[in-house]
Amino acid sequence: MNWEQLEAKPEFRALLAKKKAFIVPAFVFGMLYYLALPVLVGYFPEMMKTKVWGEVNVAYVFALSQFIMAWVMAFLYVRVATQWDKAAAAVIHGQG
């Protein structure tokens, strides 16, 4: 396989652009979401102590939502990555 030729293909560059268009915003969103908890607890402790249900407060709900968010992001990534794999195979085999 001639990697320089493959890298020069417009289809390959378009695939890299599609990947970047998903990965960069997903990474930024994920980091902001995860860092929001310690920032909110540090700067707005009274709001985060607000009881939601019994002894469960906003901070606990937010922390648990991070698990859900991680699973959703993983699900979305797998769906998109499957499309990237098909596109990469097409570019490698000269069909794209």
C-alpha atoms as a PDB file:
ATOM      1  CA  MET A   1       0.000   0.000   0.000  1.00  0.00           C
ATOM      2  CA  ASN A   2       1.345   3.399  -0.972  1.00  0.00           C
ATOM      3  CA  TRP A   3       0.354   5.574   1.986  1.00  0.00           C
ATOM      4  CA  GLU A   4       1.475   8.800   0.318  1.00  0.00           C
ATOM      5  CA  GLN A   5      -0.919   8.175  -2.586  1.00  0.00           C
ATOM      6  CA  LEU A   6      -3.724   7.288  -0.219  1.00  0.00           C
ATOM      7  CA  GLU A   7      -3.119  10.413   1.844  1.00  0.00           C
ATOM      8  CA  ALA A   8      -3.206  12.586  -1.291  1.00  0.00           C
ATOM      9  CA  LYS A   9      -6.685  11.383  -2.307  1.00  0.00           C
ATOM     10  CA  PRO A  10      -9.431  14.003  -1.856  1.00  0.00           C
ATOM     11  CA  GLU A  11     -11.708  11.274  -0.482  1.00  0.00           C
ATOM     12  CA  PHE A  12      -9.189  10.535   2.259  1.00  0.00           C
ATOM     13  CA  ARG A  13      -8.890  14.191   3.197  1.00  0.00           C
ATOM     14  CA  ALA A  14     -12.700  14.531   3.218  1.00  0.00           C
ATOM     15  CA  LEU A  15     -12.908  11.545   5.559  1.00  0.00           C
ATOM     16  CA  LEU A  16     -10.378  13.114   7.915  1.00  0.00           C
ATOM     17  CA  ALA A  17     -12.375  16.363   7.867  1.00  0.00           C
ATOM     18  CA  LYS A  18     -15.581  14.475   8.736  1.00  0.00           C
ATOM     19  CA  LYS A  19     -13.847  12.733  11.616  1.00  0.00           C
ATOM     20  CA  LYS A  20     -12.447  16.002  12.915  1.00  0.00           C
ATOM     21  CA  ALA A  21     -15.868  17.668  12.636  1.00  0.00           C
ATOM     22  CA  PHE A  22     -17.262  15.061  15.051  1.00  0.00           C
ATOM     23  CA  ILE A  23     -14.335  14.323  17.358  1.00  0.00           C
ATOM     24  CA  VAL A  24     -13.284  17.873  18.237  1.00  0.00           C
ATOM     25  CA  PRO A  25     -16.741  19.142  19.270  1.00  0.00           C
ATOM     26  CA  ALA A  26     -17.478  15.859  21.087  1.00  0.00           C
ATOM     27  CA  PHE A  27     -14.215  16.154  23.008  1.00  0.00           C
ATOM     28  CA  VAL A  28     -14.828  19.806  23.902  1.00  0.00           C
ATOM     29  CA  PHE A  29     -18.400  19.058  25.007  1.00  0.00           C
ATOM     30  CA  GLY A  30     -17.280  16.072  27.078  1.00  0.00           C
ATOM     31  CA  MET A  31     -14.506  17.988  28.809  1.00  0.00           C
ATOM     32  CA  LEU A  32     -16.749  20.952  29.579  1.00  0.00           C
ATOM     33  CA  TYR A  33     -19.458  18.647  30.889  1.00  0.00           C
ATOM     34  CA  TYR A  34     -17.074  16.769  33.166  1.00  0.00           C
ATOM     35  CA  LEU A  35     -15.308  19.888  34.402  1.00  0.00           C
ATOM     36  CA  ALA A  36     -18.625  21.618  35.071  1.00  0.00           C
ATOM     37  CA  LEU A  37     -19.250  19.524  38.198  1.00  0.00           C
ATOM     38  CA  PRO A  38     -16.205  20.620  40.209  1.00  0.00           C
ATOM     39  CA  VAL A  39     -16.588  24.193  38.969  1.00  0.00           C
ATOM     40  CA  LEU A  40     -20.264  24.330  39.932  1.00  0.00           C
ATOM     41  CA  VAL A  41     -19.610  22.732  43.315  1.00  0.00           C
ATOM     42  CA  GLY A  42     -16.774  25.199  43.931  1.00  0.00           C
ATOM     43  CA  TYR A  43     -18.522  28.388  42.818  1.00  0.00           C
ATOM     44  CA  PHE A  44     -22.186  27.566  43.505  1.00  0.00           C
ATOM     45  CA  PRO A  45     -22.166  25.198  46.487  1.00  0.00           C
ATOM     46  CA  GLU A  46     -25.580  26.225  47.783  1.00  0.00           C
ATOM     47  CA  MET A  47     -27.239  25.553  44.422  1.00  0.00           C
ATOM     48  CA  MET A  48     -25.538  22.165  44.180  1.00  0.00           C
ATOM     49  CA  LYS A  49     -26.697  21.279  47.725  1.00  0.00           C
ATOM     50  CA  THR A  50     -30.342  21.764  46.735  1.00  0.00           C
ATOM     51  CA  LYS A  51     -32.285  18.594  47.564  1.00  0.00           C
ATOM     52  CA  VAL A  52     -33.960  16.943  44.607  1.00  0.00           C
ATOM     53  CA  TRP A  53     -35.351  13.775  46.175  1.00  0.00           C
ATOM     54  CA  GLY A  54     -34.723  12.766  49.768  1.00  0.00           C
ATOM     55  CA  GLU A  55     -31.024  13.183  50.470  1.00  0.00           C
ATOM     56  CA  VAL A  56     -30.172  13.294  46.760  1.00  0.00           C
ATOM     57  CA  ASN A  57     -29.035  16.758  45.758  1.00  0.00           C
ATOM     58  CA  VAL A  58     -28.289  18.505  42.464  1.00  0.00           C
ATOM     59  CA  ALA A  59     -24.594  17.572  42.652  1.00  0.00           C
ATOM     60  CA  TYR A  60     -25.431  13.849  42.868  1.00  0.00           C
ATOM     61  CA  VAL A  61     -27.880  14.106  39.975  1.00  0.00           C
ATOM     62  CA  PHE A  62     -25.309  15.955  37.881  1.00  0.00           C
ATOM     63  CA  ALA A  63     -22.616  13.385  38.725  1.00  0.00           C
ATOM     64  CA  LEU A  64     -24.923  10.516  37.737  1.00  0.00           C
ATOM     65  CA  SER A  65     -25.863  12.324  34.526  1.00  0.00           C
ATOM     66  CA  GLN A  66     -22.203  12.171  33.533  1.00  0.00           C
ATOM     67  CA  PHE A  67     -22.458   8.391  33.305  1.00  0.00           C
ATOM     68  CA  ILE A  68     -25.488   8.700  31.054  1.00  0.00           C
ATOM     69  CA  MET A  69     -23.738  11.321  28.935  1.00  0.00           C
ATOM     70  CA  ALA A  70     -20.673   9.086  28.566  1.00  0.00           C
ATOM     71  CA  TRP A  71     -22.825   6.163  27.368  1.00  0.00           C
ATOM     72  CA  VAL A  72     -24.704   8.388  24.911  1.00  0.00           C
ATOM     73  CA  MET A  73     -21.455   9.786  23.531  1.00  0.00           C
ATOM     74  CA  ALA A  74     -20.010   6.274  23.216  1.00  0.00           C
ATOM     75  CA  PHE A  75     -23.148   5.093  21.401  1.00  0.00           C
ATOM     76  CA  LEU A  76     -22.992   8.050  18.997  1.00  0.00           C
ATOM     77  CA  TYR A  77     -19.278   7.526  18.410  1.00  0.00           C
ATOM     78  CA  VAL A  78     -19.743   3.847  17.546  1.00  0.00           C
ATOM     79  CA  ARG A  79     -22.508   4.696  15.067  1.00  0.00           C
ATOM     80  CA  VAL A  80     -20.415   7.382  13.371  1.00  0.00           C
ATOM     81  CA  ALA A  81     -17.212   5.315  13.458  1.00  0.00           C
ATOM     82  CA  THR A  82     -18.986   2.492  11.620  1.00  0.00           C
ATOM     83  CA  GLN A  83     -19.680   4.909   8.782  1.00  0.00           C
ATOM     84  CA  TRP A  84     -16.057   6.071   8.839  1.00  0.00           C
ATOM     85  CA  ASP A  85     -14.858   2.469   8.602  1.00  0.00           C
ATOM     86  CA  LYS A  86     -17.000   1.881   5.523  1.00  0.00           C
ATOM     87  CA  ALA A  87     -15.781   5.117   3.932  1.00  0.00           C
ATOM     88  CA  ALA A  88     -12.148   4.248   4.746  1.00  0.00           C
ATOM     89  CA  ALA A  89     -12.531   0.812   3.159  1.00  0.00           C
ATOM     90  CA  ALA A  90     -13.987   2.436   0.056  1.00  0.00           C
ATOM     91  CA  VAL A  91     -11.086   4.910  -0.167  1.00  0.00           C
ATOM     92  CA  ILE A  92      -8.473   2.190   0.375  1.00  0.00           C
ATOM     93  CA  HIS A  93      -9.985  -0.076  -2.243  1.00  0.00           C
ATOM     94  CA  GLY A  94     -10.443   2.747  -4.734  1.00  0.00           C
ATOM     95  CA  GLN A  95     -14.218   2.863  -4.637  1.00  0.00           C
ATOM     96  CA  GLY A  96     -14.586   6.225  -2.948  1.00  0.00           C
END
